[in-house]
Amino acid sequence: MAWLAAQPLSLSFVLLAGGMIFGALKWRRLRSLALLCAALLLFVTLFTSTGTVLLQPLEDRFERTSLPASGPGCIIVLGGGIEAEVIAARGGFEINQAGDRFIETLRLARLFPQARILISGGDGSFSGTYAGDAAVSRDFFETFGIPPERLLLETQSRTTFENVSKTSEVLTTNNLSGCLLVTSAFHMPRAMGLFRRAGIDVQPWPTDYRTTGVAGLAFDFTQPSTNAQIMTTALREWTGLLAYYVTGRTDALFPG
């Protein structure tokens, strides 16, 4: 809930509302300061590449490395790419930007037919009334020829921290090791930090890149909505890294 108020557009609204309240109370300096901060935050979020510049170090932190000749023992994919509410209303299989996680996992599953596929992700919505990523993606993988006996479904987790703790239980129960970890590139540092803290050795396999890796800080008036989305994603990940480090869930502020 705290993140809902702290993300850039929400914070801009809070500052604007505060400015109106300060104005009504005749606190002119505070009103001016709040309105100026709101305007600056909106401008940086909507009309600069700041979000991209903040996201690139996260995406560059881990690279794909060579796979063993025998292939991985298992492939772990973290949820977050499924539009559960849309699927509940319309049926079918709908993915969002993070759906690359499942597409890449499908490619790997077909490339290494001996590897088990562990899908981690329950219903992360506030209501908790929808099928989670793991449950929904079962049909996706089976549709594209992955037999159900290769799939392991972890359907209870709602956060990255829970992804790791619940996945650990599944790996132990099924005696699996030598696993690839598939998740969005910007999300990989936080995920790897948690897996390392839990003592689980996984090989990072990032996907779902949102940046070119070579962008610099500049004005960008061409795509304000995309800029806002990228800024929100970047700040959420950096906030998550800081929160997990401060609370002792990871051993490093920026795992690498």
Protein backbone atom coordinates (compact mmCIF):
# COMPACT_ATOMS: atom_id res chain seq x y z
CA MET A 1 0.00 0.00 0.00
CA ALA A 2 2.85 2.40 0.76
CA TRP A 3 4.19 1.94 -2.78
CA LEU A 4 0.85 3.08 -4.26
CA ALA A 5 1.36 6.50 -2.67
CA ALA A 6 5.10 6.64 -3.34
CA GLN A 7 5.14 5.98 -7.09
CA PRO A 8 5.78 9.08 -9.22
CA LEU A 9 2.29 9.86 -10.53
CA SER A 10 0.62 9.16 -7.19
CA LEU A 11 3.19 11.29 -5.38
CA SER A 12 2.59 14.10 -7.87
CA PHE A 13 -1.12 13.95 -7.08
CA VAL A 14 -0.39 14.04 -3.34
CA LEU A 15 1.81 17.10 -3.82
CA LEU A 16 -0.86 18.84 -5.93
CA ALA A 17 -3.54 18.07 -3.34
CA GLY A 18 -1.23 19.30 -0.59
CA GLY A 19 -0.62 22.51 -2.51
CA MET A 20 -4.36 23.14 -2.74
CA ILE A 21 -4.77 22.54 0.99
CA PHE A 22 -1.85 24.82 1.83
CA GLY A 23 -3.38 27.47 -0.42
CA ALA A 24 -6.72 27.24 1.35
CA LEU A 25 -4.91 27.67 4.67
CA LYS A 26 -3.05 30.73 3.29
CA TRP A 27 0.30 28.95 3.68
CA ARG A 28 1.63 30.44 0.46
CA ARG A 29 5.24 29.30 0.69
CA LEU A 30 4.29 25.70 1.36
CA ARG A 31 1.73 25.88 -1.44
CA SER A 32 4.33 27.15 -3.90
CA LEU A 33 6.86 24.55 -2.81
CA ALA A 34 4.39 21.66 -3.13
CA LEU A 35 3.19 22.79 -6.57
CA LEU A 36 6.75 23.31 -7.79
CA CYS A 37 7.79 19.83 -6.61
CA ALA A 38 4.73 18.28 -8.27
CA ALA A 39 5.49 20.04 -11.57
CA LEU A 40 9.16 19.01 -11.50
CA LEU A 41 8.34 15.41 -10.67
CA LEU A 42 5.77 15.22 -13.46
CA PHE A 43 8.15 16.78 -15.98
CA VAL A 44 11.03 14.44 -15.11
CA THR A 45 8.73 11.40 -15.14
CA LEU A 46 6.89 12.19 -18.38
CA PHE A 47 9.34 14.11 -20.53
CA THR A 48 12.84 12.80 -19.78
CA SER A 49 14.66 9.48 -20.09
CA THR A 50 15.38 9.38 -16.35
CA GLY A 51 13.38 6.18 -15.87
CA THR A 52 15.31 4.44 -18.64
CA VAL A 53 18.64 5.55 -17.16
CA LEU A 54 17.58 4.17 -13.77
CA LEU A 55 16.36 0.87 -15.27
CA GLN A 56 19.44 0.11 -17.38
CA PRO A 57 21.82 -0.77 -14.49
CA LEU A 58 19.25 -3.25 -13.20
CA GLU A 59 18.95 -4.93 -16.61
CA ASP A 60 22.72 -5.00 -17.11
CA ARG A 61 23.52 -6.50 -13.69
CA PHE A 62 23.21 -10.14 -14.80
CA GLU A 63 23.93 -11.58 -18.22
CA ARG A 64 23.08 -14.92 -19.68
CA THR A 65 26.01 -17.32 -19.39
CA SER A 66 26.85 -20.56 -21.16
CA LEU A 67 24.66 -23.51 -20.33
CA PRO A 68 26.09 -26.92 -19.43
CA ALA A 69 26.18 -29.36 -22.34
CA SER A 70 23.56 -31.52 -20.65
CA GLY A 71 21.25 -28.54 -20.16
CA PRO A 72 19.67 -27.36 -16.90
CA GLY A 73 18.14 -29.74 -14.41
CA CYS A 74 15.12 -27.50 -14.13
CA ILE A 75 13.84 -24.12 -15.27
CA ILE A 76 12.26 -21.80 -12.72
CA VAL A 77 10.05 -19.01 -14.04
CA LEU A 78 8.72 -16.32 -11.72
CA GLY A 79 5.15 -15.14 -12.25
CA GLY A 80 4.07 -11.64 -13.15
CA GLY A 81 3.35 -12.00 -16.85
CA ILE A 82 -0.29 -13.11 -16.76
CA GLU A 83 -3.40 -10.89 -16.99
CA ALA A 84 -5.44 -12.95 -14.54
CA GLU A 85 -8.38 -10.53 -14.29
CA VAL A 86 -8.79 -10.35 -18.07
CA ILE A 87 -8.56 -14.12 -18.38
CA ALA A 88 -11.21 -14.56 -15.69
CA ALA A 89 -13.55 -12.27 -17.63
CA ARG A 90 -12.82 -13.32 -21.21
CA GLY A 91 -11.10 -16.69 -21.10
CA GLY A 92 -8.12 -17.63 -23.23
CA PHE A 93 -4.55 -16.81 -22.29
CA GLU A 94 -3.53 -13.15 -22.02
CA ILE A 95 -0.03 -11.95 -21.17
CA ASN A 96 1.36 -8.52 -20.35
CA GLN A 97 4.82 -6.99 -20.91
CA ALA A 98 6.41 -9.50 -18.57
CA GLY A 99 4.93 -12.32 -20.65
CA ASP A 100 8.38 -12.75 -22.22
CA ARG A 101 9.17 -14.77 -19.10
CA PHE A 102 6.80 -17.49 -20.26
CA ILE A 103 7.72 -17.28 -23.94
CA GLU A 104 11.42 -17.68 -23.11
CA THR A 105 10.66 -20.53 -20.72
CA LEU A 106 8.66 -22.28 -23.46
CA ARG A 107 11.63 -21.92 -25.84
CA LEU A 108 13.99 -23.37 -23.23
CA ALA A 109 11.57 -26.17 -22.38
CA ARG A 110 11.51 -27.30 -25.99
CA LEU A 111 15.27 -26.93 -26.31
CA PHE A 112 15.92 -29.03 -23.17
CA PRO A 113 13.19 -31.68 -23.04
CA GLN A 114 14.68 -33.36 -19.95
CA ALA A 115 14.33 -30.25 -17.75
CA ARG A 116 11.45 -29.89 -15.31
CA ILE A 117 9.55 -26.58 -15.41
CA LEU A 118 8.76 -24.92 -12.09
CA ILE A 119 6.27 -22.05 -12.38
CA SER A 120 6.10 -19.89 -9.25
CA GLY A 121 3.25 -17.44 -8.80
CA GLY A 122 -0.12 -17.25 -7.08
CA ASP A 123 -2.74 -14.56 -7.35
CA GLY A 124 -1.04 -11.26 -6.57
CA SER A 125 -4.18 -9.13 -6.84
CA PHE A 126 -5.63 -7.27 -3.86
CA SER A 127 -8.81 -9.35 -3.98
CA GLY A 128 -7.07 -12.71 -4.22
CA THR A 129 -9.98 -14.08 -6.25
CA TYR A 130 -8.24 -14.94 -9.53
CA ALA A 131 -6.19 -17.88 -10.75
CA GLY A 132 -2.47 -17.15 -10.35
CA ASP A 133 0.25 -17.30 -12.95
CA ALA A 134 1.22 -20.88 -12.16
CA ALA A 135 -2.31 -22.23 -12.47
CA VAL A 136 -3.08 -20.34 -15.68
CA SER A 137 0.24 -21.02 -17.39
CA ARG A 138 -0.26 -24.78 -17.08
CA ASP A 139 -2.71 -24.59 -19.98
CA PHE A 140 -0.28 -22.39 -21.91
CA PHE A 141 2.58 -24.87 -21.71
CA GLU A 142 0.37 -27.87 -22.41
CA THR A 143 -1.09 -26.11 -25.47
CA PHE A 144 2.41 -25.82 -26.91
CA GLY A 145 3.29 -29.44 -26.33
CA ILE A 146 4.92 -29.47 -22.89
CA PRO A 147 3.57 -32.59 -21.12
CA PRO A 148 1.96 -31.96 -17.72
CA GLU A 149 4.33 -34.34 -15.94
CA ARG A 150 7.19 -31.92 -16.63
CA LEU A 151 5.40 -29.06 -14.86
CA LEU A 152 5.69 -28.17 -11.18
CA LEU A 153 3.24 -25.52 -10.00
CA GLU A 154 3.81 -23.27 -6.99
CA THR A 155 0.47 -21.48 -6.62
CA GLN A 156 0.66 -19.79 -3.20
CA SER A 157 3.24 -16.99 -3.52
CA ARG A 158 2.14 -13.36 -3.94
CA THR A 159 5.51 -11.56 -3.73
CA THR A 160 9.08 -12.17 -4.89
CA PHE A 161 10.08 -13.09 -1.34
CA GLU A 162 7.32 -15.71 -1.24
CA ASN A 163 8.32 -16.91 -4.72
CA VAL A 164 11.71 -17.88 -3.32
CA SER A 165 10.56 -19.43 -0.04
CA LYS A 166 7.83 -21.51 -1.71
CA THR A 167 10.10 -22.49 -4.61
CA SER A 168 12.70 -23.72 -2.14
CA GLU A 169 10.15 -26.16 -0.73
CA VAL A 170 9.26 -27.48 -4.20
CA LEU A 171 12.92 -27.93 -5.16
CA THR A 172 13.64 -29.83 -1.96
CA THR A 173 10.58 -32.05 -2.28
CA ASN A 174 11.44 -32.98 -5.88
CA ASN A 175 15.23 -33.19 -5.33
CA LEU A 176 15.97 -30.67 -8.08
CA SER A 177 19.18 -28.69 -8.60
CA GLY A 178 21.12 -27.02 -11.40
CA CYS A 179 18.21 -24.74 -12.24
CA LEU A 180 17.90 -21.75 -14.53
CA LEU A 181 16.06 -18.74 -13.16
CA VAL A 182 13.92 -16.93 -15.73
CA THR A 183 12.53 -13.51 -14.88
CA SER A 184 12.56 -9.96 -16.24
CA ALA A 185 16.08 -8.53 -16.51
CA PHE A 186 15.27 -5.56 -14.27
CA HIS A 187 13.87 -7.94 -11.65
CA MET A 188 16.84 -10.31 -11.69
CA PRO A 189 19.03 -8.51 -9.07
CA ARG A 190 16.30 -8.64 -6.44
CA ALA A 191 15.40 -12.24 -7.28
CA MET A 192 19.03 -13.41 -7.26
CA GLY A 193 19.64 -11.68 -3.95
CA LEU A 194 16.77 -13.60 -2.40
CA PHE A 195 17.78 -16.96 -3.88
CA ARG A 196 21.35 -16.51 -2.65
CA ARG A 197 20.15 -15.53 0.82
CA ALA A 198 18.06 -18.72 0.85
CA GLY A 199 21.11 -20.79 -0.15
CA ILE A 200 19.64 -21.83 -3.51
CA ASP A 201 22.13 -21.98 -6.37
CA VAL A 202 20.44 -20.89 -9.61
CA GLN A 203 21.80 -19.65 -12.92
CA PRO A 204 20.29 -16.31 -13.99
CA TRP A 205 18.56 -16.22 -17.35
CA PRO A 206 17.18 -12.69 -17.80
CA THR A 207 14.54 -11.79 -20.37
CA ASP A 208 11.92 -9.08 -20.96
CA TYR A 209 14.37 -6.23 -21.53
CA ARG A 210 12.79 -2.75 -21.55
CA THR A 211 15.86 -0.65 -22.51
CA THR A 212 18.60 -0.68 -25.14
CA GLY A 213 21.34 -0.48 -22.52
CA VAL A 214 22.95 2.55 -24.18
CA ALA A 215 20.42 5.33 -23.50
CA GLY A 216 21.62 8.54 -21.87
CA LEU A 217 19.85 11.21 -19.89
CA ALA A 218 17.86 13.43 -22.26
CA PHE A 219 14.54 15.12 -22.86
CA ASP A 220 11.93 12.89 -24.48
CA PHE A 221 8.61 14.41 -25.52
CA THR A 222 7.60 11.52 -27.80
CA GLN A 223 6.25 8.92 -25.34
CA PRO A 224 5.20 10.38 -21.96
CA SER A 225 3.04 7.40 -20.96
CA THR A 226 5.85 4.93 -21.67
CA ASN A 227 8.35 7.13 -19.83
CA ALA A 228 6.05 7.17 -16.81
CA GLN A 229 5.71 3.38 -16.89
CA ILE A 230 9.47 2.85 -17.11
CA MET A 231 10.12 5.33 -14.31
CA THR A 232 7.59 3.56 -12.09
CA THR A 233 9.14 0.16 -12.82
CA ALA A 234 12.66 1.41 -12.10
CA LEU A 235 11.76 3.11 -8.82
CA ARG A 236 9.77 0.08 -7.67
CA GLU A 237 12.76 -2.20 -8.20
CA TRP A 238 15.26 0.13 -6.54
CA THR A 239 12.85 0.58 -3.63
CA GLY A 240 12.43 -3.19 -3.38
CA LEU A 241 16.20 -3.73 -3.36
CA LEU A 242 16.63 -1.20 -0.57
CA ALA A 243 13.73 -2.60 1.47
CA TYR A 244 14.93 -6.20 1.18
CA TYR A 245 18.47 -5.23 2.15
CA VAL A 246 17.40 -3.14 5.14
CA THR A 247 15.12 -5.91 6.41
CA GLY A 248 17.85 -8.55 6.04
CA ARG A 249 16.17 -10.50 3.26
CA THR A 250 19.22 -10.05 1.02
CA ASP A 251 22.93 -9.84 1.85
CA ALA A 252 23.75 -7.07 -0.64
CA LEU A 253 22.06 -3.83 -1.58
CA PHE A 254 22.66 -4.44 -5.30
CA PRO A 255 23.31 -8.17 -5.84
CA GLY A 256 25.55 -8.91 -8.78
